[in-house]
C-alpha cells in the first residue's frame, strides 16, 4: 500500500464561493481509492464494502468510471469515524462546491 497524503487549504471559508484557482487546489483534497485499497485502509471485508455502497450514494461517495469502483477517501473516512451529522454534511457540501460543474 502506498503513502497517503491529504492536504487541506488552510483558512478556506466554506461559506464563501471558491475562486477557480481555489477550486483546482481544493479538488485534490478529495482523493479516490479503489475498492481493494479501501478494504485495506479501513479493514473492511466484502460485506462491509457492500453495506457502504448501499448506505452511501454515488456519485458523492463512490464512482464507477469504467468497471472499477473508486471511493472518495476523505468522505468515507469521515463517515466511518464520525457518522452522518451536521459536520459531515458540511464536508459533503465542501466537496460538492469543488466540483467543476457546481455553481458555474
N, C-alpha and C. Protein backbone atom coordinates (compact mmCIF):
# COMPACT_ATOMS: atom_id res chain seq x y z
N UNK A 1 0.85 -1.17 0.00
CA UNK A 1 0.00 0.00 0.00
C UNK A 1 0.89 1.23 0.00
N UNK A 2 0.53 2.23 -0.78
CA UNK A 2 1.34 3.43 -0.90
C UNK A 2 1.10 4.39 0.26
N UNK A 3 1.82 5.48 0.27
CA UNK A 3 1.64 6.51 1.28
C UNK A 3 0.49 7.41 0.88
N UNK A 4 -0.33 7.79 1.84
CA UNK A 4 -1.47 8.66 1.57
C UNK A 4 -1.18 10.03 2.14
N UNK A 5 -1.26 11.04 1.29
CA UNK A 5 -1.06 12.41 1.72
C UNK A 5 -2.33 13.18 1.44
N UNK A 6 -2.91 13.75 2.48
CA UNK A 6 -4.12 14.52 2.32
C UNK A 6 -3.82 15.91 2.84
N UNK A 7 -4.06 16.91 2.03
CA UNK A 7 -3.79 18.27 2.45
C UNK A 7 -5.06 19.10 2.33
N UNK A 8 -5.16 20.10 3.14
CA UNK A 8 -6.32 20.97 3.13
C UNK A 8 -5.86 22.41 2.96
N UNK A 9 -6.69 23.24 2.36
CA UNK A 9 -6.37 24.65 2.24
C UNK A 9 -6.59 25.28 3.61
N UNK A 10 -5.55 25.86 4.15
CA UNK A 10 -5.63 26.48 5.46
C UNK A 10 -6.35 27.82 5.32
N UNK A 11 -7.32 28.04 6.17
CA UNK A 11 -8.02 29.32 6.17
C UNK A 11 -9.12 29.42 5.14
N UNK A 12 -9.47 28.34 4.44
CA UNK A 12 -10.55 28.43 3.47
C UNK A 12 -11.87 28.52 4.21
N UNK A 13 -12.77 29.31 3.69
CA UNK A 13 -14.07 29.52 4.32
C UNK A 13 -15.13 28.84 3.47
N UNK A 14 -15.75 27.75 3.95
CA UNK A 14 -16.74 27.04 3.15
C UNK A 14 -18.00 27.85 2.89
N UNK A 15 -18.19 28.98 3.60
CA UNK A 15 -19.37 29.81 3.39
C UNK A 15 -19.22 30.70 2.15
N UNK A 16 -18.00 30.97 1.74
CA UNK A 16 -17.77 31.84 0.60
C UNK A 16 -17.52 31.00 -0.65
N UNK A 17 -17.96 31.51 -1.82
CA UNK A 17 -17.72 30.74 -3.07
C UNK A 17 -16.23 30.60 -3.36
N UNK A 18 -15.88 29.51 -4.03
CA UNK A 18 -14.50 29.26 -4.39
C UNK A 18 -14.15 30.00 -5.66
N UNK A 19 -12.93 30.54 -5.71
CA UNK A 19 -12.42 31.09 -6.96
C UNK A 19 -11.96 29.90 -7.80
N UNK A 20 -11.78 30.07 -9.11
CA UNK A 20 -11.31 28.95 -9.94
C UNK A 20 -10.00 28.35 -9.45
N UNK A 21 -9.06 29.17 -9.00
CA UNK A 21 -7.78 28.62 -8.52
C UNK A 21 -7.97 27.85 -7.21
N UNK A 22 -8.85 28.34 -6.33
CA UNK A 22 -9.13 27.60 -5.10
C UNK A 22 -9.78 26.27 -5.41
N UNK A 23 -10.69 26.25 -6.40
CA UNK A 23 -11.36 25.00 -6.77
C UNK A 23 -10.35 23.97 -7.24
N UNK A 24 -9.42 24.38 -8.07
CA UNK A 24 -8.43 23.44 -8.58
C UNK A 24 -7.57 22.89 -7.45
N UNK A 25 -7.20 23.73 -6.49
CA UNK A 25 -6.42 23.26 -5.35
C UNK A 25 -7.25 22.37 -4.43
N UNK A 26 -8.48 22.77 -4.17
CA UNK A 26 -9.32 22.07 -3.22
C UNK A 26 -9.75 20.69 -3.71
N UNK A 27 -10.00 20.55 -5.01
CA UNK A 27 -10.48 19.26 -5.52
C UNK A 27 -9.47 18.15 -5.28
N UNK A 28 -8.19 18.49 -5.21
CA UNK A 28 -7.17 17.47 -4.95
C UNK A 28 -7.14 17.04 -3.49
N UNK A 29 -7.93 17.70 -2.64
CA UNK A 29 -8.04 17.31 -1.24
C UNK A 29 -8.97 16.14 -1.05
N UNK A 30 -9.59 15.68 -2.11
CA UNK A 30 -10.55 14.58 -2.04
C UNK A 30 -10.12 13.45 -2.97
N UNK A 31 -9.05 12.74 -2.60
CA UNK A 31 -8.56 11.66 -3.46
C UNK A 31 -9.50 10.45 -3.44
N UNK A 32 -9.40 9.64 -4.47
CA UNK A 32 -10.20 8.42 -4.58
C UNK A 32 -9.32 7.18 -4.40
N UNK A 33 -9.92 6.15 -3.81
CA UNK A 33 -9.26 4.86 -3.62
C UNK A 33 -10.02 3.80 -4.38
N UNK A 34 -9.30 2.79 -4.86
CA UNK A 34 -10.02 1.64 -5.42
C UNK A 34 -10.55 0.79 -4.26
N UNK A 35 -11.43 -0.14 -4.56
CA UNK A 35 -12.09 -0.95 -3.53
C UNK A 35 -11.09 -1.75 -2.71
N UNK A 36 -10.09 -2.30 -3.35
CA UNK A 36 -9.09 -3.10 -2.63
C UNK A 36 -8.38 -2.25 -1.58
N UNK A 37 -7.97 -1.04 -1.97
CA UNK A 37 -7.29 -0.14 -1.04
C UNK A 37 -8.23 0.30 0.07
N UNK A 38 -9.48 0.56 -0.26
CA UNK A 38 -10.47 0.93 0.75
C UNK A 38 -10.60 -0.15 1.81
N UNK A 39 -10.67 -1.39 1.36
CA UNK A 39 -10.78 -2.51 2.30
C UNK A 39 -9.55 -2.62 3.18
N UNK A 40 -8.37 -2.41 2.60
CA UNK A 40 -7.13 -2.49 3.38
C UNK A 40 -7.03 -1.37 4.40
N UNK A 41 -7.31 -0.14 3.98
CA UNK A 41 -7.17 1.02 4.85
C UNK A 41 -8.13 0.95 6.03
N UNK A 42 -9.38 0.54 5.76
CA UNK A 42 -10.40 0.55 6.80
C UNK A 42 -10.70 -0.83 7.38
N UNK A 43 -10.00 -1.85 6.94
CA UNK A 43 -10.20 -3.19 7.47
C UNK A 43 -11.58 -3.75 7.18
N UNK A 44 -12.09 -3.48 6.00
CA UNK A 44 -13.42 -3.93 5.60
C UNK A 44 -13.34 -5.22 4.80
N UNK A 45 -14.34 -6.04 4.92
CA UNK A 45 -14.49 -7.20 4.05
C UNK A 45 -15.48 -6.87 2.94
N UNK A 46 -15.83 -7.89 2.16
CA UNK A 46 -16.78 -7.67 1.06
C UNK A 46 -18.13 -7.21 1.58
N UNK A 47 -18.57 -7.78 2.70
CA UNK A 47 -19.87 -7.40 3.26
C UNK A 47 -19.87 -5.94 3.71
N UNK A 48 -18.80 -5.52 4.38
CA UNK A 48 -18.69 -4.13 4.83
C UNK A 48 -18.67 -3.16 3.68
N UNK A 49 -17.95 -3.51 2.63
CA UNK A 49 -17.90 -2.65 1.44
C UNK A 49 -19.27 -2.59 0.77
N UNK A 50 -19.97 -3.72 0.71
CA UNK A 50 -21.30 -3.74 0.10
C UNK A 50 -22.28 -2.89 0.92
N UNK A 51 -22.17 -2.94 2.25
CA UNK A 51 -23.05 -2.12 3.10
C UNK A 51 -22.78 -0.63 2.88
N UNK A 52 -21.50 -0.27 2.73
CA UNK A 52 -21.19 1.13 2.45
C UNK A 52 -21.79 1.57 1.12
N UNK A 53 -21.71 0.71 0.13
CA UNK A 53 -22.25 1.05 -1.18
C UNK A 53 -23.77 1.25 -1.11
N UNK A 54 -24.43 0.47 -0.25
CA UNK A 54 -25.87 0.63 -0.06
C UNK A 54 -26.21 1.94 0.66
N UNK A 55 -25.42 2.28 1.68
CA UNK A 55 -25.70 3.45 2.51
C UNK A 55 -25.26 4.76 1.89
N UNK A 56 -24.11 4.76 1.23
CA UNK A 56 -23.52 6.00 0.75
C UNK A 56 -23.78 6.17 -0.74
N UNK A 57 -24.43 7.27 -1.12
CA UNK A 57 -24.85 7.43 -2.52
C UNK A 57 -23.70 7.71 -3.48
N UNK A 58 -23.86 7.20 -4.67
CA UNK A 58 -23.00 7.53 -5.80
C UNK A 58 -23.65 8.73 -6.47
N UNK A 59 -22.96 9.65 -7.00
CA UNK A 59 -21.52 9.79 -7.21
C UNK A 59 -20.81 10.58 -6.13
N UNK A 60 -21.45 10.83 -4.99
CA UNK A 60 -20.79 11.61 -3.94
C UNK A 60 -19.68 10.81 -3.27
N UNK A 61 -19.99 9.62 -2.81
CA UNK A 61 -19.03 8.81 -2.06
C UNK A 61 -18.25 7.83 -2.93
N UNK A 62 -18.82 7.40 -4.02
CA UNK A 62 -18.12 6.47 -4.91
C UNK A 62 -18.59 6.69 -6.34
N UNK A 63 -17.68 6.37 -7.25
CA UNK A 63 -17.97 6.49 -8.67
C UNK A 63 -17.54 5.18 -9.34
N UNK A 64 -18.05 4.96 -10.50
CA UNK A 64 -17.69 3.77 -11.27
C UNK A 64 -17.41 4.21 -12.70
N UNK A 65 -16.21 4.80 -12.94
CA UNK A 65 -15.92 5.34 -14.26
C UNK A 65 -15.86 4.27 -15.36
N UNK A 66 -15.32 3.14 -15.06
CA UNK A 66 -15.32 2.02 -16.00
C UNK A 66 -16.00 0.87 -15.28
N UNK A 67 -15.32 -0.19 -15.07
CA UNK A 67 -15.88 -1.32 -14.31
C UNK A 67 -15.36 -1.33 -12.88
N UNK A 68 -14.50 -0.38 -12.56
CA UNK A 68 -13.85 -0.33 -11.26
C UNK A 68 -14.52 0.74 -10.38
N UNK A 69 -14.84 0.38 -9.14
CA UNK A 69 -15.42 1.34 -8.20
C UNK A 69 -14.30 2.10 -7.51
N UNK A 70 -14.43 3.43 -7.49
CA UNK A 70 -13.47 4.30 -6.81
C UNK A 70 -14.21 5.03 -5.70
N UNK A 71 -13.61 5.08 -4.53
CA UNK A 71 -14.22 5.64 -3.33
C UNK A 71 -13.57 6.96 -2.96
N UNK A 72 -14.38 7.94 -2.56
CA UNK A 72 -13.88 9.22 -2.08
C UNK A 72 -13.33 8.99 -0.67
N UNK A 73 -12.01 8.96 -0.56
CA UNK A 73 -11.34 8.61 0.69
C UNK A 73 -11.74 9.51 1.85
N UNK A 74 -11.72 10.81 1.65
CA UNK A 74 -11.97 11.76 2.73
C UNK A 74 -13.40 11.63 3.24
N UNK A 75 -14.36 11.54 2.33
CA UNK A 75 -15.76 11.45 2.76
C UNK A 75 -16.06 10.12 3.45
N UNK A 76 -15.54 9.04 2.91
CA UNK A 76 -15.78 7.73 3.53
C UNK A 76 -15.12 7.67 4.90
N UNK A 77 -13.90 8.15 5.00
CA UNK A 77 -13.20 8.15 6.29
C UNK A 77 -13.97 8.96 7.33
N UNK A 78 -14.43 10.15 6.94
CA UNK A 78 -15.17 10.98 7.87
C UNK A 78 -16.48 10.31 8.28
N UNK A 79 -17.16 9.68 7.33
CA UNK A 79 -18.41 8.97 7.65
C UNK A 79 -18.16 7.82 8.62
N UNK A 80 -17.11 7.05 8.38
CA UNK A 80 -16.83 5.91 9.25
C UNK A 80 -16.39 6.35 10.66
N UNK A 81 -15.69 7.46 10.76
CA UNK A 81 -15.22 7.94 12.06
C UNK A 81 -16.33 8.67 12.82
N UNK A 82 -17.03 9.58 12.12
CA UNK A 82 -17.97 10.47 12.79
C UNK A 82 -19.44 10.17 12.53
N UNK A 83 -19.73 9.33 11.55
CA UNK A 83 -21.13 9.09 11.18
C UNK A 83 -21.70 10.29 10.44
N UNK A 84 -22.98 10.22 10.13
CA UNK A 84 -23.60 11.34 9.44
C UNK A 84 -24.10 12.33 10.50
N UNK A 85 -23.96 13.58 10.21
CA UNK A 85 -24.37 14.65 11.12
C UNK A 85 -24.04 15.97 10.48
N UNK A 86 -24.28 17.06 11.18
CA UNK A 86 -24.04 18.39 10.59
C UNK A 86 -22.60 18.62 10.12
N UNK A 87 -21.62 18.18 10.90
CA UNK A 87 -20.22 18.38 10.49
C UNK A 87 -19.91 17.59 9.22
N UNK A 88 -20.40 16.36 9.14
CA UNK A 88 -20.19 15.55 7.94
C UNK A 88 -20.92 16.17 6.74
N UNK A 89 -22.13 16.66 6.97
CA UNK A 89 -22.87 17.32 5.89
C UNK A 89 -22.12 18.53 5.35
N UNK A 90 -21.47 19.29 6.22
CA UNK A 90 -20.68 20.44 5.77
C UNK A 90 -19.50 19.98 4.92
N UNK A 91 -18.87 18.86 5.30
CA UNK A 91 -17.77 18.33 4.50
C UNK A 91 -18.26 17.90 3.12
N UNK A 92 -19.41 17.26 3.06
CA UNK A 92 -20.00 16.86 1.77
C UNK A 92 -20.29 18.11 0.93
N UNK A 93 -20.86 19.14 1.54
CA UNK A 93 -21.13 20.39 0.82
C UNK A 93 -19.84 21.01 0.31
N UNK A 94 -18.80 20.95 1.12
CA UNK A 94 -17.49 21.48 0.71
C UNK A 94 -16.97 20.72 -0.51
N UNK A 95 -17.11 19.38 -0.49
CA UNK A 95 -16.69 18.58 -1.63
C UNK A 95 -17.49 18.94 -2.88
N UNK A 96 -18.80 19.03 -2.75
CA UNK A 96 -19.65 19.36 -3.90
C UNK A 96 -19.28 20.72 -4.47
N UNK A 97 -18.93 21.68 -3.61
CA UNK A 97 -18.54 23.01 -4.08
C UNK A 97 -17.25 22.99 -4.90
N UNK A 98 -16.43 21.94 -4.75
CA UNK A 98 -15.18 21.86 -5.51
C UNK A 98 -15.38 21.29 -6.90
N UNK A 99 -16.54 20.67 -7.16
CA UNK A 99 -16.76 20.03 -8.46
C UNK A 99 -16.85 21.07 -9.57
N UNK A 100 -16.30 20.77 -10.73
CA UNK A 100 -16.24 21.75 -11.82
C UNK A 100 -17.59 22.31 -12.26
N UNK A 101 -18.62 21.52 -12.26
CA UNK A 101 -19.92 21.99 -12.76
C UNK A 101 -20.73 22.71 -11.71
N UNK A 102 -20.30 22.69 -10.47
CA UNK A 102 -21.07 23.30 -9.39
C UNK A 102 -20.93 24.81 -9.39
N UNK A 103 -22.04 25.51 -9.56
CA UNK A 103 -22.06 26.96 -9.46
C UNK A 103 -21.46 27.69 -10.65
N UNK A 104 -21.23 27.02 -11.74
CA UNK A 104 -20.67 27.71 -12.91
C UNK A 104 -21.67 27.76 -14.03
